[in-house]
Amino acid sequence: MDLDLAGAELRAVLNRLRRAQGQIAGVIRMIEEGRDCEDVVTQLAAASRALDRAGFAIIATGLQQCLTDGEDGSKPTEDREAMRARLEKLFLSLA
């Protein structure tokens, strides 16, 4: 499955990933500084949510592309079923 993110979708996913990257850097820094465990876990949870949301956005784009491709009949039924199974597996990997 190739990922074809359009302008706004791509920016949104990249922003979420950059936010998560910054939050993870913050978690590392907090641990190195010996910060309070609750603060570290709170920051780590925020990073995890940002990664999950980026993943869900990517999967949603894949679903949309799959449905669009299926509407015009350009893909055989078995290809659509294989794509559906792959997308379901990806979705469940984030659950």
PDB file of N, CA and C in Angstrom:
ATOM      1  N   MET A   1       0.850  -1.171   0.000  1.00  0.00           N
ATOM      2  CA  MET A   1       0.000   0.000   0.000  1.00  0.00           C
ATOM      3  C   MET A   1       0.896   1.234   0.000  1.00  0.00           C
ATOM      4  N   ASP A   2       0.772   2.036  -1.028  1.00  0.00           N
ATOM      5  CA  ASP A   2       1.518   3.285  -1.095  1.00  0.00           C
ATOM      6  C   ASP A   2       0.714   4.371  -0.398  1.00  0.00           C
ATOM      7  N   LEU A   3       1.430   5.253   0.299  1.00  0.00           N
ATOM      8  CA  LEU A   3       0.782   6.342   1.015  1.00  0.00           C
ATOM      9  C   LEU A   3       0.875   7.593   0.174  1.00  0.00           C
ATOM     10  N   ASP A   4      -0.282   8.176  -0.135  1.00  0.00           N
ATOM     11  CA  ASP A   4      -0.320   9.384  -0.941  1.00  0.00           C
ATOM     12  C   ASP A   4      -1.035  10.470  -0.142  1.00  0.00           C
ATOM     13  N   LEU A   5      -0.267  11.166   0.704  1.00  0.00           N
ATOM     14  CA  LEU A   5      -0.842  12.237   1.507  1.00  0.00           C
ATOM     15  C   LEU A   5      -0.819  13.538   0.713  1.00  0.00           C
ATOM     16  N   ALA A   6      -1.953  14.217   0.685  1.00  0.00           N
ATOM     17  CA  ALA A   6      -2.042  15.513   0.023  1.00  0.00           C
ATOM     18  C   ALA A   6      -1.549  16.600   0.971  1.00  0.00           C
ATOM     19  N   GLY A   7      -1.361  17.798   0.453  1.00  0.00           N
ATOM     20  CA  GLY A   7      -0.789  18.921   1.173  1.00  0.00           C
ATOM     21  C   GLY A   7      -1.200  19.090   2.624  1.00  0.00           C
ATOM     22  N   ALA A   8      -2.482  19.333   2.873  1.00  0.00           N
ATOM     23  CA  ALA A   8      -2.956  19.596   4.239  1.00  0.00           C
ATOM     24  C   ALA A   8      -2.823  18.353   5.107  1.00  0.00           C
ATOM     25  N   GLU A   9      -3.127  17.179   4.544  1.00  0.00           N
ATOM     26  CA  GLU A   9      -3.000  15.929   5.303  1.00  0.00           C
ATOM     27  C   GLU A   9      -1.551  15.687   5.686  1.00  0.00           C
ATOM     28  N   LEU A  10      -0.655  15.897   4.740  1.00  0.00           N
ATOM     29  CA  LEU A  10       0.770  15.694   4.983  1.00  0.00           C
ATOM     30  C   LEU A  10       1.271  16.633   6.070  1.00  0.00           C
ATOM     31  N   ARG A  11       0.890  17.899   5.985  1.00  0.00           N
ATOM     32  CA  ARG A  11       1.313  18.875   7.007  1.00  0.00           C
ATOM     33  C   ARG A  11       0.801  18.489   8.387  1.00  0.00           C
ATOM     34  N   ALA A  12      -0.451  18.045   8.461  1.00  0.00           N
ATOM     35  CA  ALA A  12      -1.038  17.668   9.750  1.00  0.00           C
ATOM     36  C   ALA A  12      -0.301  16.476  10.357  1.00  0.00           C
ATOM     37  N   VAL A  13      -0.008  15.463   9.550  1.00  0.00           N
ATOM     38  CA  VAL A  13       0.701  14.288  10.054  1.00  0.00           C
ATOM     39  C   VAL A  13       2.116  14.669  10.480  1.00  0.00           C
ATOM     40  N   LEU A  14       2.809  15.441   9.651  1.00  0.00           N
ATOM     41  CA  LEU A  14       4.173  15.851   9.997  1.00  0.00           C
ATOM     42  C   LEU A  14       4.192  16.702  11.260  1.00  0.00           C
ATOM     43  N   ASN A  15       3.201  17.578  11.422  1.00  0.00           N
ATOM     44  CA  ASN A  15       3.128  18.390  12.648  1.00  0.00           C
ATOM     45  C   ASN A  15       2.941  17.519  13.882  1.00  0.00           C
ATOM     46  N   ARG A  16       2.085  16.518  13.778  1.00  0.00           N
ATOM     47  CA  ARG A  16       1.879  15.611  14.910  1.00  0.00           C
ATOM     48  C   ARG A  16       3.163  14.843  15.238  1.00  0.00           C
ATOM     49  N   LEU A  17       3.844  14.393  14.197  1.00  0.00           N
ATOM     50  CA  LEU A  17       5.088  13.651  14.423  1.00  0.00           C
ATOM     51  C   LEU A  17       6.172  14.544  15.017  1.00  0.00           C
ATOM     52  N   ARG A  18       6.245  15.780  14.553  1.00  0.00           N
ATOM     53  CA  ARG A  18       7.229  16.715  15.127  1.00  0.00           C
ATOM     54  C   ARG A  18       6.887  17.028  16.590  1.00  0.00           C
ATOM     55  N   ARG A  19       5.610  17.170  16.878  1.00  0.00           N
ATOM     56  CA  ARG A  19       5.189  17.415  18.254  1.00  0.00           C
ATOM     57  C   ARG A  19       5.600  16.241  19.136  1.00  0.00           C
ATOM     58  N   ALA A  20       5.363  15.024  18.655  1.00  0.00           N
ATOM     59  CA  ALA A  20       5.748  13.835  19.414  1.00  0.00           C
ATOM     60  C   ALA A  20       7.262  13.771  19.588  1.00  0.00           C
ATOM     61  N   GLN A  21       7.980  14.135  18.546  1.00  0.00           N
ATOM     62  CA  GLN A  21       9.447  14.139  18.621  1.00  0.00           C
ATOM     63  C   GLN A  21       9.922  15.100  19.709  1.00  0.00           C
ATOM     64  N   GLY A  22       9.339  16.277  19.766  1.00  0.00           N
ATOM     65  CA  GLY A  22       9.686  17.251  20.791  1.00  0.00           C
ATOM     66  C   GLY A  22       9.322  16.761  22.182  1.00  0.00           C
ATOM     67  N   GLN A  23       8.160  16.109  22.286  1.00  0.00           N
ATOM     68  CA  GLN A  23       7.733  15.594  23.583  1.00  0.00           C
ATOM     69  C   GLN A  23       8.646  14.465  24.054  1.00  0.00           C
ATOM     70  N   ILE A  24       9.075  13.619  23.145  1.00  0.00           N
ATOM     71  CA  ILE A  24       9.988  12.529  23.514  1.00  0.00           C
ATOM     72  C   ILE A  24      11.333  13.098  23.945  1.00  0.00           C
ATOM     73  N   ALA A  25      11.816  14.121  23.230  1.00  0.00           N
ATOM     74  CA  ALA A  25      13.065  14.781  23.648  1.00  0.00           C
ATOM     75  C   ALA A  25      12.898  15.369  25.047  1.00  0.00           C
ATOM     76  N   GLY A  26      11.709  15.915  25.325  1.00  0.00           N
ATOM     77  CA  GLY A  26      11.425  16.457  26.644  1.00  0.00           C
ATOM     78  C   GLY A  26      11.426  15.373  27.715  1.00  0.00           C
ATOM     79  N   VAL A  27      10.880  14.211  27.389  1.00  0.00           N
ATOM     80  CA  VAL A  27      10.865  13.094  28.334  1.00  0.00           C
ATOM     81  C   VAL A  27      12.296  12.665  28.655  1.00  0.00           C
ATOM     82  N   ILE A  28      13.124  12.543  27.633  1.00  0.00           N
ATOM     83  CA  ILE A  28      14.527  12.158  27.840  1.00  0.00           C
ATOM     84  C   ILE A  28      15.222  13.160  28.747  1.00  0.00           C
ATOM     85  N   ARG A  29      15.006  14.430  28.455  1.00  0.00           N
ATOM     86  CA  ARG A  29      15.620  15.496  29.259  1.00  0.00           C
ATOM     87  C   ARG A  29      15.130  15.435  30.709  1.00  0.00           C
ATOM     88  N   MET A  30      13.832  15.208  30.890  1.00  0.00           N
ATOM     89  CA  MET A  30      13.263  15.128  32.235  1.00  0.00           C
ATOM     90  C   MET A  30      13.871  13.963  33.026  1.00  0.00           C
ATOM     91  N   ILE A  31      14.039  12.834  32.373  1.00  0.00           N
ATOM     92  CA  ILE A  31      14.630  11.674  33.039  1.00  0.00           C
ATOM     93  C   ILE A  31      16.081  11.963  33.409  1.00  0.00           C
ATOM     94  N   GLU A  32      16.809  12.567  32.472  1.00  0.00           N
ATOM     95  CA  GLU A  32      18.215  12.906  32.740  1.00  0.00           C
ATOM     96  C   GLU A  32      18.348  13.884  33.904  1.00  0.00           C
ATOM     97  N   GLU A  33      17.367  14.772  34.048  1.00  0.00           N
ATOM     98  CA  GLU A  33      17.393  15.768  35.119  1.00  0.00           C
ATOM     99  C   GLU A  33      16.816  15.238  36.429  1.00  0.00           C
ATOM    100  N   GLY A  34      16.312  13.994  36.412  1.00  0.00           N
ATOM    101  CA  GLY A  34      15.754  13.421  37.635  1.00  0.00           C
ATOM    102  C   GLY A  34      14.422  14.009  38.048  1.00  0.00           C
ATOM    103  N   ARG A  35      13.624  14.426  37.068  1.00  0.00           N
ATOM    104  CA  ARG A  35      12.331  15.046  37.353  1.00  0.00           C
ATOM    105  C   ARG A  35      11.346  14.052  37.951  1.00  0.00           C
ATOM    106  N   ASP A  36      10.283  14.587  38.497  1.00  0.00           N
ATOM    107  CA  ASP A  36       9.237  13.817  39.149  1.00  0.00           C
ATOM    108  C   ASP A  36       8.636  12.783  38.185  1.00  0.00           C
ATOM    109  N   CYS A  37       8.431  11.579  38.686  1.00  0.00           N
ATOM    110  CA  CYS A  37       7.904  10.468  37.887  1.00  0.00           C
ATOM    111  C   CYS A  37       6.554  10.812  37.251  1.00  0.00           C
ATOM    112  N   GLU A  38       5.683  11.444  38.004  1.00  0.00           N
ATOM    113  CA  GLU A  38       4.354  11.783  37.485  1.00  0.00           C
ATOM    114  C   GLU A  38       4.458  12.738  36.300  1.00  0.00           C
ATOM    115  N   ASP A  39       5.351  13.711  36.375  1.00  0.00           N
ATOM    116  CA  ASP A  39       5.556  14.645  35.267  1.00  0.00           C
ATOM    117  C   ASP A  39       6.082  13.925  34.029  1.00  0.00           C
ATOM    118  N   VAL A  40       7.016  13.003  34.248  1.00  0.00           N
ATOM    119  CA  VAL A  40       7.597  12.241  33.134  1.00  0.00           C
ATOM    120  C   VAL A  40       6.524  11.403  32.452  1.00  0.00           C
ATOM    121  N   VAL A  41       5.729  10.700  33.244  1.00  0.00           N
ATOM    122  CA  VAL A  41       4.683   9.835  32.685  1.00  0.00           C
ATOM    123  C   VAL A  41       3.633  10.668  31.946  1.00  0.00           C
ATOM    124  N   THR A  42       3.286  11.833  32.488  1.00  0.00           N
ATOM    125  CA  THR A  42       2.321  12.719  31.824  1.00  0.00           C
ATOM    126  C   THR A  42       2.844  13.149  30.453  1.00  0.00           C
ATOM    127  N   GLN A  43       4.109  13.514  30.386  1.00  0.00           N
ATOM    128  CA  GLN A  43       4.705  13.937  29.117  1.00  0.00           C
ATOM    129  C   GLN A  43       4.800  12.758  28.152  1.00  0.00           C
ATOM    130  N   LEU A  44       5.129  11.598  28.662  1.00  0.00           N
ATOM    131  CA  LEU A  44       5.220  10.399  27.831  1.00  0.00           C
ATOM    132  C   LEU A  44       3.852  10.031  27.255  1.00  0.00           C
ATOM    133  N   ALA A  45       2.810  10.172  28.055  1.00  0.00           N
ATOM    134  CA  ALA A  45       1.449   9.895  27.580  1.00  0.00           C
ATOM    135  C   ALA A  45       1.055  10.862  26.465  1.00  0.00           C
ATOM    136  N   ALA A  46       1.462  12.120  26.582  1.00  0.00           N
ATOM    137  CA  ALA A  46       1.163  13.106  25.531  1.00  0.00           C
ATOM    138  C   ALA A  46       1.869  12.725  24.235  1.00  0.00           C
ATOM    139  N   ALA A  47       3.106  12.273  24.337  1.00  0.00           N
ATOM    140  CA  ALA A  47       3.848  11.847  23.142  1.00  0.00           C
ATOM    141  C   ALA A  47       3.179  10.634  22.507  1.00  0.00           C
ATOM    142  N   SER A  48       2.740   9.729  23.332  1.00  0.00           N
ATOM    143  CA  SER A  48       2.066   8.529  22.829  1.00  0.00           C
ATOM    144  C   SER A  48       0.778   8.890  22.083  1.00  0.00           C
ATOM    145  N   ARG A  49       0.007   9.821  22.644  1.00  0.00           N
ATOM    146  CA  ARG A  49      -1.233  10.258  21.969  1.00  0.00           C
ATOM    147  C   ARG A  49      -0.925  10.920  20.630  1.00  0.00           C
ATOM    148  N   ALA A  50       0.124  11.730  20.576  1.00  0.00           N
ATOM    149  CA  ALA A  50       0.487  12.392  19.322  1.00  0.00           C
ATOM    150  C   ALA A  50       0.873  11.355  18.267  1.00  0.00           C
ATOM    151  N   LEU A  51       1.615  10.324  18.657  1.00  0.00           N
ATOM    152  CA  LEU A  51       1.986   9.267  17.716  1.00  0.00           C
ATOM    153  C   LEU A  51       0.760   8.484  17.261  1.00  0.00           C
ATOM    154  N   ASP A  52      -0.134   8.170  18.203  1.00  0.00           N
ATOM    155  CA  ASP A  52      -1.359   7.453  17.843  1.00  0.00           C
ATOM    156  C   ASP A  52      -2.180   8.253  16.833  1.00  0.00           C
ATOM    157  N   ARG A  53      -2.319   9.540  17.082  1.00  0.00           N
ATOM    158  CA  ARG A  53      -3.128  10.370  16.180  1.00  0.00           C
ATOM    159  C   ARG A  53      -2.496  10.453  14.792  1.00  0.00           C
ATOM    160  N   ALA A  54      -1.191  10.525  14.726  1.00  0.00           N
ATOM    161  CA  ALA A  54      -0.512  10.523  13.424  1.00  0.00           C
ATOM    162  C   ALA A  54      -0.765   9.196  12.717  1.00  0.00           C
ATOM    163  N   GLY A  55      -0.657   8.103  13.451  1.00  0.00           N
ATOM    164  CA  GLY A  55      -0.915   6.786  12.867  1.00  0.00           C
ATOM    165  C   GLY A  55      -2.332   6.647  12.364  1.00  0.00           C
ATOM    166  N   PHE A  56      -3.297   7.096  13.157  1.00  0.00           N
ATOM    167  CA  PHE A  56      -4.691   7.024  12.736  1.00  0.00           C
ATOM    168  C   PHE A  56      -4.945   7.896  11.506  1.00  0.00           C
ATOM    169  N   ALA A  57      -4.305   9.045  11.427  1.00  0.00           N
ATOM    170  CA  ALA A  57      -4.466   9.912  10.249  1.00  0.00           C
ATOM    171  C   ALA A  57      -3.926   9.226   9.005  1.00  0.00           C
ATOM    172  N   ILE A  58      -2.804   8.544   9.147  1.00  0.00           N
ATOM    173  CA  ILE A  58      -2.227   7.827   8.008  1.00  0.00           C
ATOM    174  C   ILE A  58      -3.137   6.682   7.580  1.00  0.00           C
ATOM    175  N   ILE A  59      -3.657   5.940   8.552  1.00  0.00           N
ATOM    176  CA  ILE A  59      -4.557   4.830   8.229  1.00  0.00           C
ATOM    177  C   ILE A  59      -5.847   5.343   7.603  1.00  0.00           C
ATOM    178  N   ALA A  60      -6.383   6.442   8.122  1.00  0.00           N
ATOM    179  CA  ALA A  60      -7.609   7.012   7.549  1.00  0.00           C
ATOM    180  C   ALA A  60      -7.389   7.409   6.100  1.00  0.00           C
ATOM    181  N   THR A  61      -6.220   7.956   5.805  1.00  0.00           N
ATOM    182  CA  THR A  61      -5.905   8.319   4.420  1.00  0.00           C
ATOM    183  C   THR A  61      -5.843   7.067   3.560  1.00  0.00           C
ATOM    184  N   GLY A  62      -5.237   6.015   4.082  1.00  0.00           N
ATOM    185  CA  GLY A  62      -5.180   4.755   3.353  1.00  0.00           C
ATOM    186  C   GLY A  62      -6.560   4.187   3.096  1.00  0.00           C
ATOM    187  N   LEU A  63      -7.441   4.262   4.100  1.00  0.00           N
ATOM    188  CA  LEU A  63      -8.814   3.793   3.922  1.00  0.00           C
ATOM    189  C   LEU A  63      -9.537   4.596   2.847  1.00  0.00           C
ATOM    190  N   GLN A  64      -9.357   5.898   2.904  1.00  0.00           N
ATOM    191  CA  GLN A  64     -10.006   6.764   1.919  1.00  0.00           C
ATOM    192  C   GLN A  64      -9.529   6.428   0.510  1.00  0.00           C
ATOM    193  N   GLN A  65      -8.224   6.228   0.354  1.00  0.00           N
ATOM    194  CA  GLN A  65      -7.672   5.877  -0.954  1.00  0.00           C
ATOM    195  C   GLN A  65      -8.190   4.523  -1.420  1.00  0.00           C
ATOM    196  N   CYS A  66      -8.256   3.590  -0.491  1.00  0.00           N
ATOM    197  CA  CYS A  66      -8.747   2.245  -0.810  1.00  0.00           C
ATOM    198  C   CYS A  66     -10.196   2.299  -1.280  1.00  0.00           C
ATOM    199  N   LEU A  67     -11.022   3.071  -0.550  1.00  0.00           N
ATOM    200  CA  LEU A  67     -12.428   3.192  -0.923  1.00  0.00           C
ATOM    201  C   LEU A  67     -12.583   3.895  -2.265  1.00  0.00           C
ATOM    202  N   THR A  68     -11.790   4.927  -2.488  1.00  0.00           N
ATOM    203  CA  THR A  68     -11.853   5.660  -3.751  1.00  0.00           C
ATOM    204  C   THR A  68     -11.453   4.762  -4.906  1.00  0.00           C
ATOM    205  N   ASP A  69     -10.385   3.995  -4.725  1.00  0.00           N
ATOM    206  CA  ASP A  69      -9.940   3.069  -5.770  1.00  0.00           C
ATOM    207  C   ASP A  69     -10.998   2.006  -6.043  1.00  0.00           C
ATOM    208  N   GLY A  70     -11.684   1.557  -4.991  1.00  0.00           N
ATOM    209  CA  GLY A  70     -12.687   0.515  -5.138  1.00  0.00           C
ATOM    210  C   GLY A  70     -13.945   0.987  -5.827  1.00  0.00           C
ATOM    211  N   GLU A  71     -14.255   2.263  -5.712  1.00  0.00           N
ATOM    212  CA  GLU A  71     -15.486   2.802  -6.301  1.00  0.00           C
ATOM    213  C   GLU A  71     -15.472   2.757  -7.823  1.00  0.00           C
ATOM    214  N   ASP A  72     -14.301   2.968  -8.411  1.00  0.00           N
ATOM    215  CA  ASP A  72     -14.257   2.997  -9.870  1.00  0.00           C
ATOM    216  C   ASP A  72     -14.037   1.616 -10.478  1.00  0.00           C
ATOM    217  N   GLY A  73     -13.973   0.585  -9.627  1.00  0.00           N
ATOM    218  CA  GLY A  73     -13.831  -0.770 -10.119  1.00  0.00           C
ATOM    219  C   GLY A  73     -12.459  -1.076 -10.675  1.00  0.00           C
ATOM    220  N   SER A  74     -11.469  -0.218 -10.375  1.00  0.00           N
ATOM    221  CA  SER A  74     -10.136  -0.402 -10.947  1.00  0.00           C
ATOM    222  C   SER A  74      -9.364  -1.538 -10.288  1.00  0.00           C
ATOM    223  N   LYS A  75      -9.819  -1.968  -9.124  1.00  0.00           N
ATOM    224  CA  LYS A  75      -9.112  -3.053  -8.425  1.00  0.00           C
ATOM    225  C   LYS A  75     -10.040  -4.247  -8.305  1.00  0.00           C
ATOM    226  N   PRO A  76      -9.511  -5.435  -8.578  1.00  0.00           N
ATOM    227  CA  PRO A  76     -10.322  -6.644  -8.413  1.00  0.00           C
ATOM    228  C   PRO A  76     -10.731  -6.825  -6.947  1.00  0.00           C
ATOM    229  N   THR A  77     -11.808  -7.564  -6.721  1.00  0.00           N
ATOM    230  CA  THR A  77     -12.327  -7.784  -5.380  1.00  0.00           C
ATOM    231  C   THR A  77     -11.275  -8.360  -4.456  1.00  0.00           C
ATOM    232  N   GLU A  78     -10.465  -9.328  -4.942  1.00  0.00           N
ATOM    233  CA  GLU A  78      -9.464  -9.925  -4.057  1.00  0.00           C
ATOM    234  C   GLU A  78      -8.403  -8.913  -3.654  1.00  0.00           C
ATOM    235  N   ASP A  79      -8.062  -7.962  -4.530  1.00  0.00           N
ATOM    236  CA  ASP A  79      -7.123  -6.900  -4.162  1.00  0.00           C
ATOM    237  C   ASP A  79      -7.724  -6.004  -3.077  1.00  0.00           C
ATOM    238  N   ARG A  80      -8.998  -5.666  -3.220  1.00  0.00           N
ATOM    239  CA  ARG A  80      -9.670  -4.844  -2.213  1.00  0.00           C
ATOM    240  C   ARG A  80      -9.729  -5.572  -0.879  1.00  0.00           C
ATOM    241  N   GLU A  81     -10.002  -6.871  -0.912  1.00  0.00           N
ATOM    242  CA  GLU A  81     -10.051  -7.654   0.324  1.00  0.00           C
ATOM    243  C   GLU A  81      -8.682  -7.732   0.984  1.00  0.00           C
ATOM    244  N   ALA A  82      -7.639  -7.901   0.196  1.00  0.00           N
ATOM    245  CA  ALA A  82      -6.282  -7.937   0.749  1.00  0.00           C
ATOM    246  C   ALA A  82      -5.936  -6.582   1.354  1.00  0.00           C
ATOM    247  N   MET A  83      -6.319  -5.512   0.680  1.00  0.00           N
ATOM    248  CA  MET A  83      -6.066  -4.163   1.189  1.00  0.00           C
ATOM    249  C   MET A  83      -6.838  -3.941   2.485  1.00  0.00           C
ATOM    250  N   ARG A  84      -8.080  -4.384   2.524  1.00  0.00           N
ATOM    251  CA  ARG A  84      -8.883  -4.242   3.728  1.00  0.00           C
ATOM    252  C   ARG A  84      -8.233  -4.973   4.900  1.00  0.00           C
ATOM    253  N   ALA A  85      -7.759  -6.168   4.644  1.00  0.00           N
ATOM    254  CA  ALA A  85      -7.110  -6.952   5.700  1.00  0.00           C
ATOM    255  C   ALA A  85      -5.833  -6.263   6.184  1.00  0.00           C
ATOM    256  N   ARG A  86      -5.067  -5.713   5.260  1.00  0.00           N
ATOM    257  CA  ARG A  86      -3.834  -5.012   5.644  1.00  0.00           C
ATOM    258  C   ARG A  86      -4.141  -3.766   6.462  1.00  0.00           C
ATOM    259  N   LEU A  87      -5.156  -2.999   6.050  1.00  0.00           N
ATOM    260  CA  LEU A  87      -5.536  -1.800   6.785  1.00  0.00           C
ATOM    261  C   LEU A  87      -6.082  -2.160   8.161  1.00  0.00           C
ATOM    262  N   GLU A  88      -6.838  -3.235   8.243  1.00  0.00           N
ATOM    263  CA  GLU A  88      -7.358  -3.670   9.550  1.00  0.00           C
ATOM    264  C   GLU A  88      -6.202  -4.044  10.471  1.00  0.00           C
ATOM    265  N   LYS A  89      -5.229  -4.751   9.929  1.00  0.00           N
ATOM    266  CA  LYS A  89      -4.047  -5.139  10.737  1.00  0.00           C
ATOM    267  C   LYS A  89      -3.300  -3.889  11.219  1.00  0.00           C
ATOM    268  N   LEU A  90      -3.135  -2.900  10.339  1.00  0.00           N
ATOM    269  CA  LEU A  90      -2.476  -1.655  10.735  1.00  0.00           C
ATOM    270  C   LEU A  90      -3.261  -0.943  11.823  1.00  0.00           C
ATOM    271  N   PHE A  91      -4.562  -0.858  11.629  1.00  0.00           N
ATOM    272  CA  PHE A  91      -5.405  -0.189  12.614  1.00  0.00           C
ATOM    273  C   PHE A  91      -5.291  -0.862  13.974  1.00  0.00           C
ATOM    274  N   LEU A  92      -5.361  -2.183  13.995  1.00  0.00           N
ATOM    275  CA  LEU A  92      -5.290  -2.929  15.250  1.00  0.00           C
ATOM    276  C   LEU A  92      -3.917  -2.811  15.903  1.00  0.00           C
ATOM    277  N   SER A  93      -2.879  -2.571  15.102  1.00  0.00           N
ATOM    278  CA  SER A  93      -1.548  -2.415  15.685  1.00  0.00           C
ATOM    279  C   SER A  93      -1.468  -1.145  16.513  1.00  0.00           C
ATOM    280  N   LEU A  94      -2.338  -0.175  16.263  1.00  0.00           N
ATOM    281  CA  LEU A  94      -2.366   1.066  17.058  1.00  0.00           C
ATOM    282  C   LEU A  94      -3.323   0.971  18.237  1.00  0.00           C
ATOM    283  N   ALA A  95      -4.183  -0.022  18.234  1.00  0.00           N
ATOM    284  CA  ALA A  95      -5.190  -0.150  19.304  1.00  0.00           C
ATOM    285  C   ALA A  95      -4.575  -0.614  20.606  1.00  0.00           C
TER     286      ALA A  95
END
